Amino acid sequence: MHVISDNKFSYHFEEKFLFSKLIKIFLSEFPLDRNITFLCIGVERSAGDCFGPLTGTLMKQMMVPNVIGSLDNPIHAKNLLDVYNTLENDRFIVAIDASLGGTKELGHMVVKKSPIHPGKAMGRELPSVGDISVILNVNIGGIANYLLLQNSSLYMVWKGANTLARSIATALYIMKKEQQKSTAPQPAF
């Protein structure tokens, strides 16, 4: 079973077998005894920053439960605190957002066993959210980060969101089937 080493899992969005690697990490990290909520952060009006809402929309189409944040109802700096405060304390939160990073991190999907700090690239002071965070480094950080988010590769965001949404949906399906198998009555011989 692949485990997050050094509190971090990082692969390029075009990495071969990224889908299966993400499934393995989610199977090892998603709890069986807590409700999981997916908090998909970002805005739909920016090519780079729409990673969270696009992932949320795709997960909703795949019937993934407890998804908050989508293209038609995004979670962003103005409503994040209100939404986050309505969540129950016992929920396991998976925070999903876009990020700006260095040249070596460009295009990398990163899963961490720690909260995400939304709005950091824009200089906003928002609460850290999530038990696990999933980010896609959509561009190189620097001066005028807002413009960098606007000019990020839509292909990268689309492919990353699609891979992430499918891997989460698949991991949840496998977890559900394993739970059903373990609680099913065993035939007597």
C-alpha atoms as a PDB file:
ATOM      1  CA  MET A   1       0.000   0.000   0.000  1.00  0.00           C
ATOM      2  CA  HIS A   2       1.417   3.389  -0.960  1.00  0.00           C
ATOM      3  CA  VAL A   3       1.551   5.774   1.994  1.00  0.00           C
ATOM      4  CA  ILE A   4       2.214   9.486   2.000  1.00  0.00           C
ATOM      5  CA  SER A   5       5.910   9.704   2.817  1.00  0.00           C
ATOM      6  CA  ASP A   6       7.322  12.772   4.528  1.00  0.00           C
ATOM      7  CA  ASN A   7       3.761  14.044   4.807  1.00  0.00           C
ATOM      8  CA  LYS A   8       3.688  14.491   1.022  1.00  0.00           C
ATOM      9  CA  PHE A   9       2.831  12.680  -2.221  1.00  0.00           C
ATOM     10  CA  SER A  10       3.799  14.541  -5.393  1.00  0.00           C
ATOM     11  CA  TYR A  11       3.587  13.477  -9.046  1.00  0.00           C
ATOM     12  CA  HIS A  12       3.312  15.346 -12.327  1.00  0.00           C
ATOM     13  CA  PHE A  13      -0.230  15.461 -13.729  1.00  0.00           C
ATOM     14  CA  GLU A  14       0.908  13.496 -16.803  1.00  0.00           C
ATOM     15  CA  GLU A  15       2.753  10.868 -14.743  1.00  0.00           C
ATOM     16  CA  LYS A  16       2.106   7.361 -15.969  1.00  0.00           C
ATOM     17  CA  PHE A  17      -0.230   5.515 -13.586  1.00  0.00           C
ATOM     18  CA  LEU A  18      -1.106   8.692 -11.611  1.00  0.00           C
ATOM     19  CA  PHE A  19      -4.719   7.490 -11.467  1.00  0.00           C
ATOM     20  CA  SER A  20      -3.824   4.211  -9.731  1.00  0.00           C
ATOM     21  CA  LYS A  21      -1.260   5.908  -7.470  1.00  0.00           C
ATOM     22  CA  LEU A  22      -3.918   8.346  -6.265  1.00  0.00           C
ATOM     23  CA  ILE A  23      -6.402   5.530  -5.651  1.00  0.00           C
ATOM     24  CA  LYS A  24      -3.829   3.719  -3.490  1.00  0.00           C
ATOM     25  CA  ILE A  25      -3.070   6.831  -1.474  1.00  0.00           C
ATOM     26  CA  PHE A  26      -6.764   7.578  -0.896  1.00  0.00           C
ATOM     27  CA  LEU A  27      -7.469   3.972   0.110  1.00  0.00           C
ATOM     28  CA  SER A  28      -4.720   4.205   2.706  1.00  0.00           C
ATOM     29  CA  GLU A  29      -5.654   7.687   3.994  1.00  0.00           C
ATOM     30  CA  PHE A  30      -9.469   7.962   3.843  1.00  0.00           C
ATOM     31  CA  PRO A  31     -10.987   6.865   7.165  1.00  0.00           C
ATOM     32  CA  LEU A  32     -13.693   4.214   7.318  1.00  0.00           C
ATOM     33  CA  ASP A  33     -15.200   5.512  10.556  1.00  0.00           C
ATOM     34  CA  ARG A  34     -15.806   9.182   9.626  1.00  0.00           C
ATOM     35  CA  ASN A  35     -17.856  10.969   6.987  1.00  0.00           C
ATOM     36  CA  ILE A  36     -15.641  12.432   4.275  1.00  0.00           C
ATOM     37  CA  THR A  37     -16.375  15.886   2.866  1.00  0.00           C
ATOM     38  CA  PHE A  38     -14.638  17.246  -0.219  1.00  0.00           C
ATOM     39  CA  LEU A  39     -14.104  21.010  -0.040  1.00  0.00           C
ATOM     40  CA  CYS A  40     -13.282  22.163  -3.587  1.00  0.00           C
ATOM     41  CA  ILE A  41     -11.890  25.706  -3.415  1.00  0.00           C
ATOM     42  CA  GLY A  42     -11.481  28.220  -6.248  1.00  0.00           C
ATOM     43  CA  VAL A  43     -13.324  30.388  -8.732  1.00  0.00           C
ATOM     44  CA  GLU A  44     -14.790  29.428 -12.087  1.00  0.00           C
ATOM     45  CA  ARG A  45     -13.613  32.613 -13.837  1.00  0.00           C
ATOM     46  CA  SER A  46      -9.915  31.812 -13.805  1.00  0.00           C
ATOM     47  CA  ALA A  47      -8.301  29.061 -15.872  1.00  0.00           C
ATOM     48  CA  GLY A  48      -5.876  28.120 -13.108  1.00  0.00           C
ATOM     49  CA  ASP A  49      -8.038  28.711 -10.059  1.00  0.00           C
ATOM     50  CA  CYS A  50     -10.938  26.633 -11.405  1.00  0.00           C
ATOM     51  CA  PHE A  51      -9.128  23.372 -10.513  1.00  0.00           C
ATOM     52  CA  GLY A  52     -11.104  22.966  -7.267  1.00  0.00           C
ATOM     53  CA  PRO A  53     -14.560  23.829  -8.665  1.00  0.00           C
ATOM     54  CA  LEU A  54     -13.958  21.772 -11.816  1.00  0.00           C
ATOM     55  CA  THR A  55     -12.942  18.768  -9.715  1.00  0.00           C
ATOM     56  CA  GLY A  56     -16.038  19.286  -7.555  1.00  0.00           C
ATOM     57  CA  THR A  57     -18.311  19.435 -10.600  1.00  0.00           C
ATOM     58  CA  LEU A  58     -16.819  16.233 -12.010  1.00  0.00           C
ATOM     59  CA  MET A  59     -17.163  14.449  -8.650  1.00  0.00           C
ATOM     60  CA  LYS A  60     -20.805  15.523  -8.395  1.00  0.00           C
ATOM     61  CA  GLN A  61     -21.416  14.124 -11.888  1.00  0.00           C
ATOM     62  CA  MET A  62     -19.867  10.863 -10.675  1.00  0.00           C
ATOM     63  CA  MET A  63     -22.280  10.884  -7.708  1.00  0.00           C
ATOM     64  CA  VAL A  64     -19.538  11.343  -5.102  1.00  0.00           C
ATOM     65  CA  PRO A  65     -21.295  12.331  -1.845  1.00  0.00           C
ATOM     66  CA  ASN A  66     -20.507  15.378   0.318  1.00  0.00           C
ATOM     67  CA  VAL A  67     -18.899  17.556  -2.348  1.00  0.00           C
ATOM     68  CA  ILE A  68     -18.895  21.263  -1.545  1.00  0.00           C
ATOM     69  CA  GLY A  69     -17.709  23.620  -4.281  1.00  0.00           C
ATOM     70  CA  SER A  70     -18.399  23.342  -8.000  1.00  0.00           C
ATOM     71  CA  LEU A  71     -18.423  25.500 -11.121  1.00  0.00           C
ATOM     72  CA  ASP A  72     -22.016  26.562 -10.463  1.00  0.00           C
ATOM     73  CA  ASN A  73     -21.521  27.089  -6.717  1.00  0.00           C
ATOM     74  CA  PRO A  74     -17.827  27.824  -6.036  1.00  0.00           C
ATOM     75  CA  ILE A  75     -16.151  28.128  -2.646  1.00  0.00           C
ATOM     76  CA  HIS A  76     -13.846  31.148  -2.640  1.00  0.00           C
ATOM     77  CA  ALA A  77     -12.323  33.792  -0.352  1.00  0.00           C
ATOM     78  CA  LYS A  78     -15.642  35.567   0.235  1.00  0.00           C
ATOM     79  CA  ASN A  79     -17.643  32.517   1.359  1.00  0.00           C
ATOM     80  CA  LEU A  80     -15.011  30.006   2.549  1.00  0.00           C
ATOM     81  CA  LEU A  81     -15.212  30.935   6.231  1.00  0.00           C
ATOM     82  CA  ASP A  82     -19.021  30.751   6.306  1.00  0.00           C
ATOM     83  CA  VAL A  83     -19.055  27.380   4.551  1.00  0.00           C
ATOM     84  CA  TYR A  84     -16.242  25.955   6.665  1.00  0.00           C
ATOM     85  CA  ASN A  85     -17.954  27.005   9.907  1.00  0.00           C
ATOM     86  CA  THR A  86     -21.102  25.055   8.940  1.00  0.00           C
ATOM     87  CA  LEU A  87     -19.196  21.764   8.664  1.00  0.00           C
ATOM     88  CA  GLU A  88     -19.454  19.324  11.555  1.00  0.00           C
ATOM     89  CA  ASN A  89     -16.283  18.865  13.578  1.00  0.00           C
ATOM     90  CA  ASP A  90     -16.242  15.088  13.199  1.00  0.00           C
ATOM     91  CA  ARG A  91     -16.030  15.183   9.395  1.00  0.00           C
ATOM     92  CA  PHE A  92     -12.843  14.242   7.581  1.00  0.00           C
ATOM     93  CA  ILE A  93     -12.180  17.163   5.220  1.00  0.00           C
ATOM     94  CA  VAL A  94     -10.341  16.740   1.929  1.00  0.00           C
ATOM     95  CA  ALA A  95      -9.438  20.248   0.723  1.00  0.00           C
ATOM     96  CA  ILE A  96      -8.841  20.608  -3.029  1.00  0.00           C
ATOM     97  CA  ASP A  97      -7.353  23.765  -4.551  1.00  0.00           C
ATOM     98  CA  ALA A  98      -4.981  25.151  -7.167  1.00  0.00           C
ATOM     99  CA  SER A  99      -1.559  26.425  -6.186  1.00  0.00           C
ATOM    100  CA  LEU A 100       1.333  28.440  -7.544  1.00  0.00           C
ATOM    101  CA  GLY A 101       4.793  26.988  -7.005  1.00  0.00           C
ATOM    102  CA  GLY A 102       8.336  26.937  -8.267  1.00  0.00           C
ATOM    103  CA  THR A 103       9.472  25.814 -11.703  1.00  0.00           C
ATOM    104  CA  LYS A 104      10.198  22.283 -10.460  1.00  0.00           C
ATOM    105  CA  GLU A 105       6.668  21.944  -9.014  1.00  0.00           C
ATOM    106  CA  LEU A 106       4.794  23.132 -12.116  1.00  0.00           C
ATOM    107  CA  GLY A 107       2.162  20.565 -13.065  1.00  0.00           C
ATOM    108  CA  HIS A 108       2.583  18.510  -9.904  1.00  0.00           C
ATOM    109  CA  MET A 109      -0.395  17.186  -7.995  1.00  0.00           C
ATOM    110  CA  VAL A 110       0.465  17.151  -4.310  1.00  0.00           C
ATOM    111  CA  VAL A 111      -1.373  15.295  -1.543  1.00  0.00           C
ATOM    112  CA  LYS A 112      -0.443  16.265   2.022  1.00  0.00           C
ATOM    113  CA  LYS A 113      -1.537  15.037   5.446  1.00  0.00           C
ATOM    114  CA  SER A 114      -2.036  18.627   6.480  1.00  0.00           C
ATOM    115  CA  PRO A 115      -4.430  21.507   5.859  1.00  0.00           C
ATOM    116  CA  ILE A 116      -4.330  23.747   2.840  1.00  0.00           C
ATOM    117  CA  HIS A 117      -3.825  27.506   3.110  1.00  0.00           C
ATOM    118  CA  PRO A 118      -6.260  28.929   0.547  1.00  0.00           C
ATOM    119  CA  GLY A 119      -5.632  32.395  -0.843  1.00  0.00           C
ATOM    120  CA  LYS A 120      -1.978  32.405   0.221  1.00  0.00           C
ATOM    121  CA  ALA A 121      -0.725  33.251  -3.287  1.00  0.00           C
ATOM    122  CA  MET A 122      -3.078  36.244  -3.361  1.00  0.00           C
ATOM    123  CA  GLY A 123      -1.918  37.467   0.050  1.00  0.00           C
ATOM    124  CA  ARG A 124      -5.253  36.665   1.709  1.00  0.00           C
ATOM    125  CA  GLU A 125      -5.504  35.561   5.313  1.00  0.00           C
ATOM    126  CA  LEU A 126      -7.978  32.697   5.306  1.00  0.00           C
ATOM    127  CA  PRO A 127      -8.231  29.793   7.744  1.00  0.00           C
ATOM    128  CA  SER A 128      -6.306  26.615   7.043  1.00  0.00           C
ATOM    129  CA  VAL A 129      -8.741  23.893   6.004  1.00  0.00           C
ATOM    130  CA  GLY A 130      -8.668  20.130   5.591  1.00  0.00           C
ATOM    131  CA  ASP A 131      -7.344  16.988   7.203  1.00  0.00           C
ATOM    132  CA  ILE A 132      -5.767  16.152   3.856  1.00  0.00           C
ATOM    133  CA  SER A 133      -5.053  18.650   1.102  1.00  0.00           C
ATOM    134  CA  VAL A 134      -4.798  18.027  -2.611  1.00  0.00           C
ATOM    135  CA  ILE A 135      -3.302  20.767  -4.750  1.00  0.00           C
ATOM    136  CA  LEU A 136      -2.327  21.112  -8.374  1.00  0.00           C
ATOM    137  CA  ASN A 137       0.531  23.525  -9.020  1.00  0.00           C
ATOM    138  CA  VAL A 138      -0.963  25.277 -12.043  1.00  0.00           C
ATOM    139  CA  ASN A 139       1.692  27.937 -12.615  1.00  0.00           C
ATOM    140  CA  ILE A 140       4.910  29.454 -11.316  1.00  0.00           C
ATOM    141  CA  GLY A 141       4.422  31.914  -8.453  1.00  0.00           C
ATOM    142  CA  GLY A 142       5.901  35.375  -8.598  1.00  0.00           C
ATOM    143  CA  ILE A 143       4.799  38.911  -9.255  1.00  0.00           C
ATOM    144  CA  ALA A 144       1.149  39.474 -10.247  1.00  0.00           C
ATOM    145  CA  ASN A 145      -0.044  36.048  -9.091  1.00  0.00           C
ATOM    146  CA  TYR A 146      -3.608  36.888 -10.102  1.00  0.00           C
ATOM    147  CA  LEU A 147      -2.491  37.166 -13.743  1.00  0.00           C
ATOM    148  CA  LEU A 148      -0.496  33.948 -13.447  1.00  0.00           C
ATOM    149  CA  LEU A 149      -3.616  32.094 -12.272  1.00  0.00           C
ATOM    150  CA  GLN A 150      -5.582  33.594 -15.170  1.00  0.00           C
ATOM    151  CA  ASN A 151      -2.994  32.402 -17.689  1.00  0.00           C
ATOM    152  CA  SER A 152      -2.539  28.845 -16.493  1.00  0.00           C
ATOM    153  CA  SER A 153      -2.921  25.882 -18.815  1.00  0.00           C
ATOM    154  CA  LEU A 154      -6.567  24.850 -19.048  1.00  0.00           C
ATOM    155  CA  TYR A 155      -5.399  21.490 -20.398  1.00  0.00           C
ATOM    156  CA  MET A 156      -3.383  20.873 -17.213  1.00  0.00           C
ATOM    157  CA  VAL A 157      -6.298  21.911 -15.006  1.00  0.00           C
ATOM    158  CA  TRP A 158      -8.783  19.768 -16.958  1.00  0.00           C
ATOM    159  CA  LYS A 159      -6.581  16.676 -16.983  1.00  0.00           C
ATOM    160  CA  GLY A 160      -5.651  17.079 -13.317  1.00  0.00           C
ATOM    161  CA  ALA A 161      -9.279  17.601 -12.246  1.00  0.00           C
ATOM    162  CA  ASN A 162     -10.458  14.646 -14.316  1.00  0.00           C
ATOM    163  CA  THR A 163      -7.790  12.306 -12.924  1.00  0.00           C
ATOM    164  CA  LEU A 164      -8.393  13.441  -9.344  1.00  0.00           C
ATOM    165  CA  ALA A 165     -12.190  13.157  -9.552  1.00  0.00           C
ATOM    166  CA  ARG A 166     -12.033   9.668 -11.103  1.00  0.00           C
ATOM    167  CA  SER A 167      -9.492   8.444  -8.550  1.00  0.00           C
ATOM    168  CA  ILE A 168     -11.564   9.720  -5.604  1.00  0.00           C
ATOM    169  CA  ALA A 169     -14.757   8.184  -7.016  1.00  0.00           C
ATOM    170  CA  THR A 170     -12.978   4.869  -7.599  1.00  0.00           C
ATOM    171  CA  ALA A 171     -11.375   4.812  -4.137  1.00  0.00           C
ATOM    172  CA  LEU A 172     -14.754   5.492  -2.494  1.00  0.00           C
ATOM    173  CA  TYR A 173     -16.360   2.737  -4.595  1.00  0.00           C
ATOM    174  CA  ILE A 174     -13.664   0.241  -3.559  1.00  0.00           C
ATOM    175  CA  MET A 175     -14.061   1.259   0.107  1.00  0.00           C
ATOM    176  CA  LYS A 176     -17.830   0.794  -0.114  1.00  0.00           C
ATOM    177  CA  LYS A 177     -17.478  -2.662  -1.696  1.00  0.00           C
ATOM    178  CA  GLU A 178     -14.916  -3.724   0.923  1.00  0.00           C
ATOM    179  CA  GLN A 179     -17.246  -2.589   3.715  1.00  0.00           C
ATOM    180  CA  GLN A 180     -20.155  -4.479   2.163  1.00  0.00           C
ATOM    181  CA  LYS A 181     -18.014  -7.578   1.820  1.00  0.00           C
ATOM    182  CA  SER A 182     -16.882  -7.428   5.455  1.00  0.00           C
ATOM    183  CA  THR A 183     -20.423  -6.931   6.815  1.00  0.00           C
ATOM    184  CA  ALA A 184     -22.122  -9.496   4.562  1.00  0.00           C
ATOM    185  CA  PRO A 185     -23.206 -12.726   6.249  1.00  0.00           C
ATOM    186  CA  GLN A 186     -20.843 -15.595   5.558  1.00  0.00           C
ATOM    187  CA  PRO A 187     -22.370 -18.796   4.156  1.00  0.00           C
ATOM    188  CA  ALA A 188     -22.380 -21.758   6.559  1.00  0.00           C
ATOM    189  CA  PHE A 189     -20.805 -24.975   5.290  1.00  0.00           C
END
